[in-house]
Amino acid sequence: MSADSGIEMVVAIIRPARLENVKRALVEAGAPSLTVTNVSGRGSQPATKSQWRGEEYVVDLHQKVKIECVVADTPAEDVVEAIREAACTGEPGDGKIFVLPVSDACQVRTGKRGPDAV
């Protein structure tokens, strides 16, 4: 299949506390299938200082959730907007959303390829 297969992957890195809101928003947008991974990262969110056993240390890697959603029938822009609205708190560290082209997909159970596999 070509890179213009009509399949796109939306990847979002968000705050863990906003995951339930994003899941609901994706169902409403018509893209309920997703993969969720716990990740750590840093960006514009400021580092914080913590103490453990009397020693102070800097926490500059914050816990985040990575959501991957592959779409073919639902426009990726609708998915991006649903995630953005559900994940936004207005504070630094809300996350990022990326849209990537998917050249092909294959469903393991049936062997379907392309948009039919999604």
C-alpha atoms as a PDB file:
ATOM      1  CA  MET A   1       0.000   0.000   0.000  1.00  0.00           C
ATOM      2  CA  SER A   2       1.116   3.564  -0.576  1.00  0.00           C
ATOM      3  CA  ALA A   3       1.729   6.147   2.135  1.00  0.00           C
ATOM      4  CA  ASP A   4      -1.568   7.741   1.053  1.00  0.00           C
ATOM      5  CA  SER A   5      -3.625   4.808   2.343  1.00  0.00           C
ATOM      6  CA  GLY A   6      -6.173   6.985   4.117  1.00  0.00           C
ATOM      7  CA  ILE A   7      -5.036   5.568   7.465  1.00  0.00           C
ATOM      8  CA  GLU A   8      -3.600   7.901  10.096  1.00  0.00           C
ATOM      9  CA  MET A   9      -2.278   7.410  13.619  1.00  0.00           C
ATOM     10  CA  VAL A  10      -3.005  10.065  16.218  1.00  0.00           C
ATOM     11  CA  VAL A  11      -0.535   9.950  19.113  1.00  0.00           C
ATOM     12  CA  ALA A  12      -1.219  12.056  22.197  1.00  0.00           C
ATOM     13  CA  ILE A  13       0.859  12.541  25.341  1.00  0.00           C
ATOM     14  CA  ILE A  14      -1.425  13.805  28.126  1.00  0.00           C
ATOM     15  CA  ARG A  15      -1.822  14.044  31.894  1.00  0.00           C
ATOM     16  CA  PRO A  16      -2.984  10.733  33.447  1.00  0.00           C
ATOM     17  CA  ALA A  17      -5.841  12.503  35.249  1.00  0.00           C
ATOM     18  CA  ARG A  18      -7.386  13.476  31.891  1.00  0.00           C
ATOM     19  CA  LEU A  19      -7.475   9.930  30.435  1.00  0.00           C
ATOM     20  CA  GLU A  20     -11.119   9.208  31.296  1.00  0.00           C
ATOM     21  CA  ASN A  21     -12.231  12.492  29.689  1.00  0.00           C
ATOM     22  CA  VAL A  22     -10.249  11.668  26.533  1.00  0.00           C
ATOM     23  CA  LYS A  23     -11.682   8.140  26.328  1.00  0.00           C
ATOM     24  CA  ARG A  24     -15.225   9.539  26.497  1.00  0.00           C
ATOM     25  CA  ALA A  25     -14.418  12.187  23.884  1.00  0.00           C
ATOM     26  CA  LEU A  26     -12.974   9.579  21.500  1.00  0.00           C
ATOM     27  CA  VAL A  27     -16.118   7.444  21.762  1.00  0.00           C
ATOM     28  CA  GLU A  28     -18.241  10.512  20.959  1.00  0.00           C
ATOM     29  CA  ALA A  29     -15.940  11.339  17.987  1.00  0.00           C
ATOM     30  CA  GLY A  30     -16.410   7.831  16.565  1.00  0.00           C
ATOM     31  CA  ALA A  31     -12.895   6.580  17.316  1.00  0.00           C
ATOM     32  CA  PRO A  32     -13.248   4.316  20.389  1.00  0.00           C
ATOM     33  CA  SER A  33     -10.247   2.035  19.664  1.00  0.00           C
ATOM     34  CA  LEU A  34      -7.027   3.090  21.355  1.00  0.00           C
ATOM     35  CA  THR A  35      -3.825   1.891  22.972  1.00  0.00           C
ATOM     36  CA  VAL A  36      -2.685   3.474  26.242  1.00  0.00           C
ATOM     37  CA  THR A  37       0.868   3.387  27.643  1.00  0.00           C
ATOM     38  CA  ASN A  38       2.257   4.943  30.823  1.00  0.00           C
ATOM     39  CA  VAL A  39       5.281   7.092  29.962  1.00  0.00           C
ATOM     40  CA  SER A  40       7.542   9.718  31.558  1.00  0.00           C
ATOM     41  CA  GLY A  41       8.719  12.898  29.910  1.00  0.00           C
ATOM     42  CA  ARG A  42       9.523  16.541  30.190  1.00  0.00           C
ATOM     43  CA  GLY A  43       8.675  19.605  28.196  1.00  0.00           C
ATOM     44  CA  SER A  44       7.382  23.012  29.212  1.00  0.00           C
ATOM     45  CA  GLN A  45       6.086  21.767  32.577  1.00  0.00           C
ATOM     46  CA  PRO A  46       8.438  23.055  35.296  1.00  0.00           C
ATOM     47  CA  ALA A  47      10.535  20.690  37.414  1.00  0.00           C
ATOM     48  CA  THR A  48       9.562  20.205  41.045  1.00  0.00           C
ATOM     49  CA  LYS A  49      11.649  19.477  44.124  1.00  0.00           C
ATOM     50  CA  SER A  50      10.874  16.572  46.437  1.00  0.00           C
ATOM     51  CA  GLN A  51      12.463  14.980  49.474  1.00  0.00           C
ATOM     52  CA  TRP A  52      13.144  11.352  50.241  1.00  0.00           C
ATOM     53  CA  ARG A  53      14.858  10.262  53.463  1.00  0.00           C
ATOM     54  CA  GLY A  54      15.979  13.813  54.092  1.00  0.00           C
ATOM     55  CA  GLU A  55      17.623  14.226  50.701  1.00  0.00           C
ATOM     56  CA  GLU A  56      16.243  16.761  48.244  1.00  0.00           C
ATOM     57  CA  TYR A  57      16.025  15.853  44.566  1.00  0.00           C
ATOM     58  CA  VAL A  58      14.597  17.379  41.400  1.00  0.00           C
ATOM     59  CA  VAL A  59      11.722  15.687  39.571  1.00  0.00           C
ATOM     60  CA  ASP A  60      11.995  16.765  35.928  1.00  0.00           C
ATOM     61  CA  LEU A  61      10.433  13.693  34.309  1.00  0.00           C
ATOM     62  CA  HIS A  62       6.673  13.837  34.817  1.00  0.00           C
ATOM     63  CA  GLN A  63       4.293  10.888  34.583  1.00  0.00           C
ATOM     64  CA  LYS A  64       2.188  11.042  31.422  1.00  0.00           C
ATOM     65  CA  VAL A  65      -0.085   8.776  29.387  1.00  0.00           C
ATOM     66  CA  LYS A  66       0.539   8.051  25.710  1.00  0.00           C
ATOM     67  CA  ILE A  67      -2.574   7.375  23.636  1.00  0.00           C
ATOM     68  CA  GLU A  68      -2.349   5.877  20.155  1.00  0.00           C
ATOM     69  CA  CYS A  69      -5.447   5.864  17.965  1.00  0.00           C
ATOM     70  CA  VAL A  70      -5.397   4.642  14.357  1.00  0.00           C
ATOM     71  CA  VAL A  71      -8.244   5.931  12.199  1.00  0.00           C
ATOM     72  CA  ALA A  72      -9.403   5.397   8.631  1.00  0.00           C
ATOM     73  CA  ASP A  73     -13.131   6.238   8.567  1.00  0.00           C
ATOM     74  CA  THR A  74     -13.043   9.051  11.130  1.00  0.00           C
ATOM     75  CA  PRO A  75     -11.155  12.224  10.124  1.00  0.00           C
ATOM     76  CA  ALA A  76      -7.928  12.581  12.120  1.00  0.00           C
ATOM     77  CA  GLU A  77      -8.707  16.273  12.660  1.00  0.00           C
ATOM     78  CA  ASP A  78     -11.906  15.321  14.547  1.00  0.00           C
ATOM     79  CA  VAL A  79      -9.879  12.969  16.756  1.00  0.00           C
ATOM     80  CA  VAL A  80      -7.225  15.647  17.404  1.00  0.00           C
ATOM     81  CA  GLU A  81      -9.861  18.190  18.387  1.00  0.00           C
ATOM     82  CA  ALA A  82     -11.676  15.710  20.658  1.00  0.00           C
ATOM     83  CA  ILE A  83      -8.419  14.867  22.463  1.00  0.00           C
ATOM     84  CA  ARG A  84      -7.348  18.507  22.713  1.00  0.00           C
ATOM     85  CA  GLU A  85     -10.639  19.639  24.238  1.00  0.00           C
ATOM     86  CA  ALA A  86     -10.804  16.723  26.701  1.00  0.00           C
ATOM     87  CA  ALA A  87      -7.143  16.922  27.793  1.00  0.00           C
ATOM     88  CA  CYS A  88      -6.798  20.684  28.141  1.00  0.00           C
ATOM     89  CA  THR A  89      -6.410  22.173  31.626  1.00  0.00           C
ATOM     90  CA  GLY A  90      -4.833  25.427  30.446  1.00  0.00           C
ATOM     91  CA  GLU A  91      -1.656  24.765  32.426  1.00  0.00           C
ATOM     92  CA  PRO A  92       1.867  23.949  31.179  1.00  0.00           C
ATOM     93  CA  GLY A  93       2.278  20.190  30.810  1.00  0.00           C
ATOM     94  CA  ASP A  94      -1.090  19.451  29.185  1.00  0.00           C
ATOM     95  CA  GLY A  95       0.733  17.505  26.474  1.00  0.00           C
ATOM     96  CA  LYS A  96       1.114  17.226  22.721  1.00  0.00           C
ATOM     97  CA  ILE A  97      -0.743  15.555  19.849  1.00  0.00           C
ATOM     98  CA  PHE A  98       0.924  14.177  16.726  1.00  0.00           C
ATOM     99  CA  VAL A  99      -0.657  12.896  13.503  1.00  0.00           C
ATOM    100  CA  LEU A 100       1.310  10.347  11.469  1.00  0.00           C
ATOM    101  CA  PRO A 101       0.506   8.692   8.140  1.00  0.00           C
ATOM    102  CA  VAL A 102       0.194   4.895   8.240  1.00  0.00           C
ATOM    103  CA  SER A 103       1.239   3.197   5.027  1.00  0.00           C
ATOM    104  CA  ASP A 104      -0.575  -0.084   5.717  1.00  0.00           C
ATOM    105  CA  ALA A 105      -2.363  -2.115   8.385  1.00  0.00           C
ATOM    106  CA  CYS A 106      -3.012  -5.831   8.724  1.00  0.00           C
ATOM    107  CA  GLN A 107      -5.530  -7.413  11.090  1.00  0.00           C
ATOM    108  CA  VAL A 108      -3.897 -10.493  12.622  1.00  0.00           C
ATOM    109  CA  ARG A 109      -7.045 -12.602  13.057  1.00  0.00           C
ATOM    110  CA  THR A 110      -8.606 -12.121   9.607  1.00  0.00           C
ATOM    111  CA  GLY A 111      -5.701 -11.002   7.426  1.00  0.00           C
ATOM    112  CA  LYS A 112      -7.658  -7.932   6.265  1.00  0.00           C
ATOM    113  CA  ARG A 113      -5.409  -5.145   4.945  1.00  0.00           C
ATOM    114  CA  GLY A 114      -5.610  -1.374   4.655  1.00  0.00           C
ATOM    115  CA  PRO A 115      -8.588   0.609   5.970  1.00  0.00           C
ATOM    116  CA  ASP A 116     -10.614  -2.622   6.386  1.00  0.00           C
ATOM    117  CA  ALA A 117      -8.103  -3.752   9.037  1.00  0.00           C
ATOM    118  CA  VAL A 118      -8.620  -0.622  11.099  1.00  0.00           C
END
